[in-house]
PDB file of N, CA and C in Angstrom:
ATOM      1  N   MET A   1      15.954-111.949 153.547  1.00  0.00           N
ATOM      2  CA  MET A   1      16.199-113.508 153.948  1.00  0.00           C
ATOM      3  C   MET A   1      14.837-113.774 154.895  1.00  0.00           C
ATOM      4  N   PRO A   2      13.831-114.481 154.907  1.00  0.00           N
ATOM      5  CA  PRO A   2      12.883-114.724 155.842  1.00  0.00           C
ATOM      6  C   PRO A   2      13.447-114.609 157.247  1.00  0.00           C
ATOM      7  N   LYS A   3      11.852-113.737 158.159  1.00  0.00           N
ATOM      8  CA  LYS A   3      11.989-113.667 159.146  1.00  0.00           C
ATOM      9  C   LYS A   3      12.572-114.389 160.323  1.00  0.00           C
ATOM     10  N   ASP A   4      11.776-115.983 159.711  1.00  0.00           N
ATOM     11  CA  ASP A   4      11.681-117.098 160.786  1.00  0.00           C
ATOM     12  C   ASP A   4      13.086-117.628 160.753  1.00  0.00           C
ATOM     13  N   LEU A   5      14.291-117.183 159.741  1.00  0.00           N
ATOM     14  CA  LEU A   5      15.726-117.787 159.756  1.00  0.00           C
ATOM     15  C   LEU A   5      16.656-117.032 160.473  1.00  0.00           C
ATOM     16  N   LYS A   6      16.950-117.267 161.672  1.00  0.00           N
ATOM     17  CA  LYS A   6      17.428-116.421 162.386  1.00  0.00           C
ATOM     18  C   LYS A   6      19.179-116.579 162.402  1.00  0.00           C
ATOM     19  N   LYS A   7      19.099-117.981 161.767  1.00  0.00           N
ATOM     20  CA  LYS A   7      20.707-117.573 161.214  1.00  0.00           C
ATOM     21  C   LYS A   7      20.601-117.378 159.566  1.00  0.00           C
ATOM     22  N   PRO A   8      22.238-117.058 159.345  1.00  0.00           N
ATOM     23  CA  PRO A   8      22.043-117.206 157.776  1.00  0.00           C
ATOM     24  C   PRO A   8      22.089-118.642 156.972  1.00  0.00           C
ATOM     25  N   ARG A   9      21.555-118.493 156.100  1.00  0.00           N
ATOM     26  CA  ARG A   9      21.711-119.619 155.373  1.00  0.00           C
ATOM     27  C   ARG A   9      22.653-120.513 154.989  1.00  0.00           C
ATOM     28  N   ASN A  10      22.372-121.863 154.741  1.00  0.00           N
ATOM     29  CA  ASN A  10      23.674-122.446 154.010  1.00  0.00           C
ATOM     30  C   ASN A  10      24.121-122.700 152.414  1.00  0.00           C
ATOM     31  N   GLU A  11      24.620-122.104 152.228  1.00  0.00           N
ATOM     32  CA  GLU A  11      24.190-121.642 150.690  1.00  0.00           C
ATOM     33  C   GLU A  11      24.887-122.642 150.064  1.00  0.00           C
ATOM     34  N   GLN A  12      26.159-123.610 150.793  1.00  0.00           N
ATOM     35  CA  GLN A  12      26.429-124.819 150.028  1.00  0.00           C
ATOM     36  C   GLN A  12      25.239-126.095 149.591  1.00  0.00           C
ATOM     37  N   LEU A  13      24.115-125.902 150.402  1.00  0.00           N
ATOM     38  CA  LEU A  13      23.223-126.947 150.067  1.00  0.00           C
ATOM     39  C   LEU A  13      22.229-126.634 148.832  1.00  0.00           C
ATOM     40  N   TYR A  14      22.261-125.385 148.367  1.00  0.00           N
ATOM     41  CA  TYR A  14      21.389-124.756 147.238  1.00  0.00           C
ATOM     42  C   TYR A  14      22.671-124.642 146.359  1.00  0.00           C
ATOM     43  N   GLU A  15      23.385-124.438 146.592  1.00  0.00           N
ATOM     44  CA  GLU A  15      24.697-124.987 145.245  1.00  0.00           C
ATOM     45  C   GLU A  15      24.732-126.040 144.972  1.00  0.00           C
ATOM     46  N   ALA A  16      24.475-127.231 145.619  1.00  0.00           N
ATOM     47  CA  ALA A  16      24.503-128.619 145.548  1.00  0.00           C
ATOM     48  C   ALA A  16      23.603-128.978 144.657  1.00  0.00           C
ATOM     49  N   ILE A  17      22.143-128.343 145.167  1.00  0.00           N
ATOM     50  CA  ILE A  17      20.923-128.630 144.382  1.00  0.00           C
ATOM     51  C   ILE A  17      21.267-128.174 142.684  1.00  0.00           C
ATOM     52  N   LEU A  18      21.628-127.222 142.594  1.00  0.00           N
ATOM     53  CA  LEU A  18      22.047-126.521 141.438  1.00  0.00           C
ATOM     54  C   LEU A  18      23.011-127.423 140.529  1.00  0.00           C
ATOM     55  N   LYS A  19      23.946-128.317 141.539  1.00  0.00           N
ATOM     56  CA  LYS A  19      24.577-129.149 140.472  1.00  0.00           C
ATOM     57  C   LYS A  19      24.032-130.520 139.641  1.00  0.00           C
ATOM     58  N   LEU A  20      23.090-130.636 140.368  1.00  0.00           N
ATOM     59  CA  LEU A  20      22.401-131.874 139.785  1.00  0.00           C
ATOM     60  C   LEU A  20      21.538-131.521 138.337  1.00  0.00           C
ATOM     61  N   GLU A  21      22.421-132.378 137.778  1.00  0.00           N
ATOM     62  CA  GLU A  21      21.786-132.466 136.190  1.00  0.00           C
ATOM     63  C   GLU A  21      20.803-133.278 135.892  1.00  0.00           C
ATOM     64  N   THR A  22      20.102-134.633 136.426  1.00  0.00           N
ATOM     65  CA  THR A  22      19.202-135.470 135.934  1.00  0.00           C
ATOM     66  C   THR A  22      18.062-135.310 137.057  1.00  0.00           C
ATOM     67  N   LEU A  23      16.859-136.217 136.390  1.00  0.00           N
ATOM     68  CA  LEU A  23      15.741-136.411 137.517  1.00  0.00           C
ATOM     69  C   LEU A  23      16.048-137.248 138.352  1.00  0.00           C
ATOM     70  N   GLU A  24      17.313-138.639 137.832  1.00  0.00           N
ATOM     71  CA  GLU A  24      17.933-139.467 138.512  1.00  0.00           C
ATOM     72  C   GLU A  24      18.863-138.962 140.002  1.00  0.00           C
ATOM     73  N   GLU A  25      19.438-138.191 139.218  1.00  0.00           N
ATOM     74  CA  GLU A  25      20.056-137.583 140.379  1.00  0.00           C
ATOM     75  C   GLU A  25      19.680-136.827 141.571  1.00  0.00           C
ATOM     76  N   CYS A  26      18.224-135.954 141.313  1.00  0.00           N
ATOM     77  CA  CYS A  26      17.655-135.535 141.893  1.00  0.00           C
ATOM     78  C   CYS A  26      17.285-136.508 142.821  1.00  0.00           C
ATOM     79  N   HIS A  27      16.239-137.589 142.380  1.00  0.00           N
ATOM     80  CA  HIS A  27      15.738-138.470 143.185  1.00  0.00           C
ATOM     81  C   HIS A  27      17.007-138.773 144.644  1.00  0.00           C
ATOM     82  N   ARG A  28      17.616-139.349 144.020  1.00  0.00           N
ATOM     83  CA  ARG A  28      18.536-139.786 144.622  1.00  0.00           C
ATOM     84  C   ARG A  28      19.370-138.980 145.884  1.00  0.00           C
ATOM     85  N   PHE A  29      19.591-137.604 145.366  1.00  0.00           N
ATOM     86  CA  PHE A  29      20.177-136.090 146.358  1.00  0.00           C
ATOM     87  C   PHE A  29      19.238-136.597 147.288  1.00  0.00           C
ATOM     88  N   PHE A  30      18.173-136.659 147.174  1.00  0.00           N
ATOM     89  CA  PHE A  30      16.846-135.722 148.051  1.00  0.00           C
ATOM     90  C   PHE A  30      16.560-137.104 148.429  1.00  0.00           C
ATOM     91  N   ASP A  31      16.409-138.806 148.041  1.00  0.00           N
ATOM     92  CA  ASP A  31      16.084-139.888 149.231  1.00  0.00           C
ATOM     93  C   ASP A  31      17.565-139.824 150.382  1.00  0.00           C
ATOM     94  N   ASP A  32      19.022-138.867 149.881  1.00  0.00           N
ATOM     95  CA  ASP A  32      20.050-139.480 150.917  1.00  0.00           C
ATOM     96  C   ASP A  32      19.515-138.280 151.894  1.00  0.00           C
ATOM     97  N   LEU A  33      18.708-136.865 151.380  1.00  0.00           N
ATOM     98  CA  LEU A  33      19.040-135.944 152.015  1.00  0.00           C
ATOM     99  C   LEU A  33      17.444-135.766 152.897  1.00  0.00           C
ATOM    100  N   CYS A  34      16.529-136.299 152.691  1.00  0.00           N
ATOM    101  CA  CYS A  34      15.294-136.485 153.413  1.00  0.00           C
ATOM    102  C   CYS A  34      14.723-137.366 153.756  1.00  0.00           C
ATOM    103  N   THR A  35      13.882-137.496 154.756  1.00  0.00           N
ATOM    104  CA  THR A  35      13.220-138.574 155.418  1.00  0.00           C
ATOM    105  C   THR A  35      11.953-138.583 154.625  1.00  0.00           C
ATOM    106  N   VAL A  36      11.496-140.050 154.042  1.00  0.00           N
ATOM    107  CA  VAL A  36      10.297-140.455 153.191  1.00  0.00           C
ATOM    108  C   VAL A  36       9.017-139.635 153.500  1.00  0.00           C
ATOM    109  N   ALA A  37       8.978-138.904 154.730  1.00  0.00           N
ATOM    110  CA  ALA A  37       7.941-138.014 155.288  1.00  0.00           C
ATOM    111  C   ALA A  37       8.245-136.797 154.520  1.00  0.00           C
ATOM    112  N   GLU A  38       9.790-136.091 154.930  1.00  0.00           N
ATOM    113  CA  GLU A  38       9.933-134.947 154.342  1.00  0.00           C
ATOM    114  C   GLU A  38       9.709-134.992 153.026  1.00  0.00           C
ATOM    115  N   LEU A  39      10.001-135.814 152.526  1.00  0.00           N
ATOM    116  CA  LEU A  39       9.875-136.212 150.747  1.00  0.00           C
ATOM    117  C   LEU A  39       8.366-135.657 150.540  1.00  0.00           C
ATOM    118  N   ARG A  40       7.643-136.725 151.129  1.00  0.00           N
ATOM    119  CA  ARG A  40       5.984-136.286 150.631  1.00  0.00           C
ATOM    120  C   ARG A  40       5.545-135.143 150.819  1.00  0.00           C
ATOM    121  N   ALA A  41       6.023-134.193 151.928  1.00  0.00           N
ATOM    122  CA  ALA A  41       5.184-133.696 152.435  1.00  0.00           C
ATOM    123  C   ALA A  41       5.859-132.269 151.523  1.00  0.00           C
ATOM    124  N   MET A  42       6.486-132.102 150.675  1.00  0.00           N
ATOM    125  CA  MET A  42       7.369-131.346 149.628  1.00  0.00           C
ATOM    126  C   MET A  42       6.658-131.709 148.629  1.00  0.00           C
ATOM    127  N   GLU A  43       6.879-132.568 148.002  1.00  0.00           N
ATOM    128  CA  GLU A  43       5.584-133.032 147.287  1.00  0.00           C
ATOM    129  C   GLU A  43       4.562-132.812 147.169  1.00  0.00           C
ATOM    130  N   GLN A  44       3.792-133.300 148.728  1.00  0.00           N
ATOM    131  CA  GLN A  44       2.165-132.468 148.572  1.00  0.00           C
ATOM    132  C   GLN A  44       2.213-131.055 148.372  1.00  0.00           C
ATOM    133  N   ARG A  45       3.097-130.523 148.930  1.00  0.00           N
ATOM    134  CA  ARG A  45       2.858-128.822 148.806  1.00  0.00           C
ATOM    135  C   ARG A  45       2.831-128.061 147.397  1.00  0.00           C
ATOM    136  N   PHE A  46       3.901-129.130 146.457  1.00  0.00           N
ATOM    137  CA  PHE A  46       4.451-128.224 145.535  1.00  0.00           C
ATOM    138  C   PHE A  46       2.868-128.710 144.684  1.00  0.00           C
ATOM    139  N   GLU A  47       2.462-130.159 144.928  1.00  0.00           N
ATOM    140  CA  GLU A  47       1.059-130.202 143.716  1.00  0.00           C
ATOM    141  C   GLU A  47       0.437-129.236 144.263  1.00  0.00           C
ATOM    142  N   VAL A  48      -0.312-129.166 145.548  1.00  0.00           N
ATOM    143  CA  VAL A  48      -0.982-128.049 146.080  1.00  0.00           C
ATOM    144  C   VAL A  48      -0.665-126.948 145.235  1.00  0.00           C
ATOM    145  N   ALA A  49       0.312-126.120 145.527  1.00  0.00           N
ATOM    146  CA  ALA A  49       0.436-125.147 144.600  1.00  0.00           C
ATOM    147  C   ALA A  49       0.640-125.042 143.314  1.00  0.00           C
ATOM    148  N   LEU A  50       0.497-125.881 142.411  1.00  0.00           N
ATOM    149  CA  LEU A  50       0.101-126.327 140.904  1.00  0.00           C
ATOM    150  C   LEU A  50      -0.840-125.954 140.698  1.00  0.00           C
ATOM    151  N   LEU A  51      -1.933-126.597 142.021  1.00  0.00           N
ATOM    152  CA  LEU A  51      -3.447-126.923 141.627  1.00  0.00           C
ATOM    153  C   LEU A  51      -3.993-125.549 141.811  1.00  0.00           C
ATOM    154  N   LEU A  52      -3.552-124.807 142.993  1.00  0.00           N
ATOM    155  CA  LEU A  52      -3.637-123.865 143.540  1.00  0.00           C
ATOM    156  C   LEU A  52      -3.440-122.791 141.954  1.00  0.00           C
ATOM    157  N   ASP A  53      -2.286-122.583 141.628  1.00  0.00           N
ATOM    158  CA  ASP A  53      -1.946-121.762 140.291  1.00  0.00           C
ATOM    159  C   ASP A  53      -3.008-121.860 139.339  1.00  0.00           C
ATOM    160  N   GLU A  54      -3.362-123.564 138.979  1.00  0.00           N
ATOM    161  CA  GLU A  54      -4.496-123.231 138.117  1.00  0.00           C
ATOM    162  C   GLU A  54      -6.094-123.010 138.190  1.00  0.00           C
ATOM    163  N   GLY A  55      -6.198-122.764 139.525  1.00  0.00           N
ATOM    164  CA  GLY A  55      -7.594-121.849 139.879  1.00  0.00           C
ATOM    165  C   GLY A  55      -8.444-122.926 140.173  1.00  0.00           C
ATOM    166  N   MET A  56      -7.920-124.654 140.588  1.00  0.00           N
ATOM    167  CA  MET A  56      -8.490-125.282 141.457  1.00  0.00           C
ATOM    168  C   MET A  56      -8.716-124.526 143.102  1.00  0.00           C
ATOM    169  N   ILE A  57     -10.503-124.909 143.612  1.00  0.00           N
ATOM    170  CA  ILE A  57     -10.717-124.695 145.046  1.00  0.00           C
ATOM    171  C   ILE A  57     -10.186-125.606 146.089  1.00  0.00           C
ATOM    172  N   TYR A  58     -10.040-124.968 147.436  1.00  0.00           N
ATOM    173  CA  TYR A  58      -9.816-125.906 148.107  1.00  0.00           C
ATOM    174  C   TYR A  58      -9.877-127.463 148.665  1.00  0.00           C
ATOM    175  N   ASN A  59     -11.567-127.194 148.306  1.00  0.00           N
ATOM    176  CA  ASN A  59     -12.329-128.893 148.712  1.00  0.00           C
ATOM    177  C   ASN A  59     -11.676-129.727 147.668  1.00  0.00           C
ATOM    178  N   ASP A  60     -11.743-129.582 146.633  1.00  0.00           N
ATOM    179  CA  ASP A  60     -11.543-130.389 145.302  1.00  0.00           C
ATOM    180  C   ASP A  60      -9.682-130.590 145.352  1.00  0.00           C
ATOM    181  N   ILE A  61      -9.241-129.415 145.905  1.00  0.00           N
ATOM    182  CA  ILE A  61      -7.204-130.102 146.139  1.00  0.00           C
ATOM    183  C   ILE A  61      -7.037-130.607 147.627  1.00  0.00           C
ATOM    184  N   LEU A  62      -8.229-130.667 148.376  1.00  0.00           N
ATOM    185  CA  LEU A  62      -7.872-131.444 149.506  1.00  0.00           C
ATOM    186  C   LEU A  62      -8.689-132.965 149.005  1.00  0.00           C
ATOM    187  N   LYS A  63      -9.527-132.844 148.330  1.00  0.00           N
ATOM    188  CA  LYS A  63     -10.061-134.499 147.720  1.00  0.00           C
ATOM    189  C   LYS A  63      -9.093-135.149 147.095  1.00  0.00           C
ATOM    190  N   LYS A  64      -8.376-134.255 146.266  1.00  0.00           N
ATOM    191  CA  LYS A  64      -7.285-134.464 144.815  1.00  0.00           C
ATOM    192  C   LYS A  64      -5.741-135.183 145.741  1.00  0.00           C
ATOM    193  N   THR A  65      -5.293-134.464 147.156  1.00  0.00           N
ATOM    194  CA  THR A  65      -4.102-134.152 147.547  1.00  0.00           C
ATOM    195  C   THR A  65      -4.128-135.002 148.629  1.00  0.00           C
ATOM    196  N   GLY A  66      -5.193-134.996 149.354  1.00  0.00           N
ATOM    197  CA  GLY A  66      -5.255-135.364 150.856  1.00  0.00           C
ATOM    198  C   GLY A  66      -4.786-134.477 151.734  1.00  0.00           C
ATOM    199  N   ALA A  67      -4.128-132.956 150.998  1.00  0.00           N
ATOM    200  CA  ALA A  67      -4.027-132.080 151.830  1.00  0.00           C
ATOM    201  C   ALA A  67      -4.555-131.538 153.062  1.00  0.00           C
ATOM    202  N   SER A  68      -4.159-130.952 154.301  1.00  0.00           N
ATOM    203  CA  SER A  68      -4.924-130.436 154.910  1.00  0.00           C
ATOM    204  C   SER A  68      -5.180-129.098 154.843  1.00  0.00           C
ATOM    205  N   SER A  69      -6.485-128.315 155.289  1.00  0.00           N
ATOM    206  CA  SER A  69      -6.897-127.156 154.883  1.00  0.00           C
ATOM    207  C   SER A  69      -5.754-126.055 155.201  1.00  0.00           C
ATOM    208  N   ALA A  70      -5.383-126.571 156.531  1.00  0.00           N
ATOM    209  CA  ALA A  70      -3.996-125.917 156.754  1.00  0.00           C
ATOM    210  C   ALA A  70      -2.755-125.724 155.821  1.00  0.00           C
ATOM    211  N   THR A  71      -2.571-126.490 155.282  1.00  0.00           N
ATOM    212  CA  THR A  71      -1.532-126.759 154.475  1.00  0.00           C
ATOM    213  C   THR A  71      -1.750-125.981 153.128  1.00  0.00           C
ATOM    214  N   ILE A  72      -3.130-126.602 152.719  1.00  0.00           N
ATOM    215  CA  ILE A  72      -3.471-125.617 151.206  1.00  0.00           C
ATOM    216  C   ILE A  72      -3.744-124.440 151.724  1.00  0.00           C
ATOM    217  N   SER A  73      -3.900-123.584 152.615  1.00  0.00           N
ATOM    218  CA  SER A  73      -3.804-122.050 153.211  1.00  0.00           C
ATOM    219  C   SER A  73      -2.723-121.302 153.243  1.00  0.00           C
ATOM    220  N   ARG A  74      -1.989-122.492 153.843  1.00  0.00           N
ATOM    221  CA  ARG A  74      -0.319-121.959 154.383  1.00  0.00           C
ATOM    222  C   ARG A  74       0.363-121.863 152.700  1.00  0.00           C
ATOM    223  N   VAL A  75      -0.203-122.855 151.733  1.00  0.00           N
ATOM    224  CA  VAL A  75       0.744-123.146 150.220  1.00  0.00           C
ATOM    225  C   VAL A  75       0.217-121.407 149.610  1.00  0.00           C
ATOM    226  N   ASN A  76      -1.204-121.467 149.442  1.00  0.00           N
ATOM    227  CA  ASN A  76      -2.014-120.349 148.977  1.00  0.00           C
ATOM    228  C   ASN A  76      -1.383-118.855 149.846  1.00  0.00           C
ATOM    229  N   ARG A  77      -0.974-119.301 150.955  1.00  0.00           N
ATOM    230  CA  ARG A  77      -0.630-117.418 151.366  1.00  0.00           C
ATOM    231  C   ARG A  77       1.128-117.217 150.461  1.00  0.00           C
ATOM    232  N   SER A  78       1.465-118.746 149.961  1.00  0.00           N
ATOM    233  CA  SER A  78       3.285-118.218 149.925  1.00  0.00           C
ATOM    234  C   SER A  78       2.890-117.884 148.495  1.00  0.00           C
ATOM    235  N   LEU A  79       1.964-118.131 147.712  1.00  0.00           N
ATOM    236  CA  LEU A  79       2.076-118.334 146.323  1.00  0.00           C
ATOM    237  C   LEU A  79       1.744-116.228 145.980  1.00  0.00           C
ATOM    238  N   ASN A  80       0.658-116.243 146.990  1.00  0.00           N
ATOM    239  CA  ASN A  80      -0.146-114.615 147.285  1.00  0.00           C
ATOM    240  C   ASN A  80       1.343-113.468 147.570  1.00  0.00           C
ATOM    241  N   TYR A  81       1.995-114.162 148.762  1.00  0.00           N
ATOM    242  CA  TYR A  81       2.180-113.012 149.192  1.00  0.00           C
ATOM    243  C   TYR A  81       4.564-113.549 149.624  1.00  0.00           C
ATOM    244  N   GLY A  82       4.181-114.787 148.999  1.00  0.00           N
ATOM    245  CA  GLY A  82       5.785-115.257 149.090  1.00  0.00           C
ATOM    246  C   GLY A  82       7.153-114.448 148.469  1.00  0.00           C
ATOM    247  N   ALA A  83       8.007-114.762 148.623  1.00  0.00           N
ATOM    248  CA  ALA A  83       9.373-114.773 147.495  1.00  0.00           C
ATOM    249  C   ALA A  83       9.116-115.039 145.971  1.00  0.00           C
ATOM    250  N   ASN A  84       8.052-115.079 145.941  1.00  0.00           N
ATOM    251  CA  ASN A  84       7.816-115.720 144.139  1.00  0.00           C
ATOM    252  C   ASN A  84       8.826-116.555 144.024  1.00  0.00           C
ATOM    253  N   GLY A  85       8.933-117.666 144.770  1.00  0.00           N
ATOM    254  CA  GLY A  85       9.829-118.852 144.293  1.00  0.00           C
ATOM    255  C   GLY A  85       9.267-120.049 143.259  1.00  0.00           C
ATOM    256  N   TYR A  86       7.762-119.819 143.807  1.00  0.00           N
ATOM    257  CA  TYR A  86       6.853-120.702 143.218  1.00  0.00           C
ATOM    258  C   TYR A  86       6.768-120.319 141.611  1.00  0.00           C
ATOM    259  N   ARG A  87       6.592-118.800 141.222  1.00  0.00           N
ATOM    260  CA  ARG A  87       6.167-118.371 140.390  1.00  0.00           C
ATOM    261  C   ARG A  87       7.554-118.360 139.192  1.00  0.00           C
ATOM    262  N   VAL A  88       8.982-118.185 139.765  1.00  0.00           N
ATOM    263  CA  VAL A  88       9.616-118.630 138.906  1.00  0.00           C
ATOM    264  C   VAL A  88       9.743-120.137 138.614  1.00  0.00           C
ATOM    265  N   VAL A  89       9.229-120.812 139.439  1.00  0.00           N
ATOM    266  CA  VAL A  89       9.440-122.315 138.833  1.00  0.00           C
ATOM    267  C   VAL A  89       8.146-122.516 138.079  1.00  0.00           C
ATOM    268  N   PHE A  90       7.425-122.073 138.162  1.00  0.00           N
ATOM    269  CA  PHE A  90       6.231-122.561 137.101  1.00  0.00           C
ATOM    270  C   PHE A  90       6.234-121.891 135.821  1.00  0.00           C
ATOM    271  N   ASP A  91       6.271-120.443 135.861  1.00  0.00           N
ATOM    272  CA  ASP A  91       6.849-119.795 134.556  1.00  0.00           C
ATOM    273  C   ASP A  91       7.767-120.908 133.878  1.00  0.00           C
ATOM    274  N   ARG A  92       9.322-121.384 134.079  1.00  0.00           N
ATOM    275  CA  ARG A  92      10.040-122.274 133.456  1.00  0.00           C
ATOM    276  C   ARG A  92       9.587-123.256 133.444  1.00  0.00           C
ATOM    277  N   ILE A  93       9.044-123.892 134.117  1.00  0.00           N
ATOM    278  CA  ILE A  93       8.392-125.221 133.609  1.00  0.00           C
ATOM    279  C   ILE A  93       7.280-125.523 132.707  1.00  0.00           C
ATOM    280  N   ARG A  94       6.674-124.572 132.483  1.00  0.00           N
ATOM    281  CA  ARG A  94       5.445-124.180 131.266  1.00  0.00           C
ATOM    282  C   ARG A  94       5.551-123.646 130.060  1.00  0.00           C
ATOM    283  N   LYS A  95       7.243-123.148 130.194  1.00  0.00           N
ATOM    284  CA  LYS A  95       7.360-122.799 128.773  1.00  0.00           C
ATOM    285  C   LYS A  95       7.757-124.187 127.864  1.00  0.00           C
TER     286      LYS A  95
END
C-alpha cells in the first residue's frame, strides 16, 4: 500500500471498475463518480504518461497537453518509480 494512504483501500471501488464492460459504461460510471475537473485531470495525466512513454520531451508535452511541469514530473516519477500500473495498461493496450 502506498505510504500516503493512511487507511486500507476500499476494494469495492476497484471491483466495481472491473465490472464495467464497455467504453460507454466507463464514461457513465466515471461521470457519476468524478467531477469534470477530476476527470480532466486524470485524462491529462494519462495522456502525459503515454507521451512520456513514447519518448516525448517535457516542453513538447507541455505544449501538446497544457499540463504543468509539476504534473509532467509527477507522472514521470510514477512511470519510473511507481507501482508499474501504467506499464501494465500500456502493455495491454499496445497488443
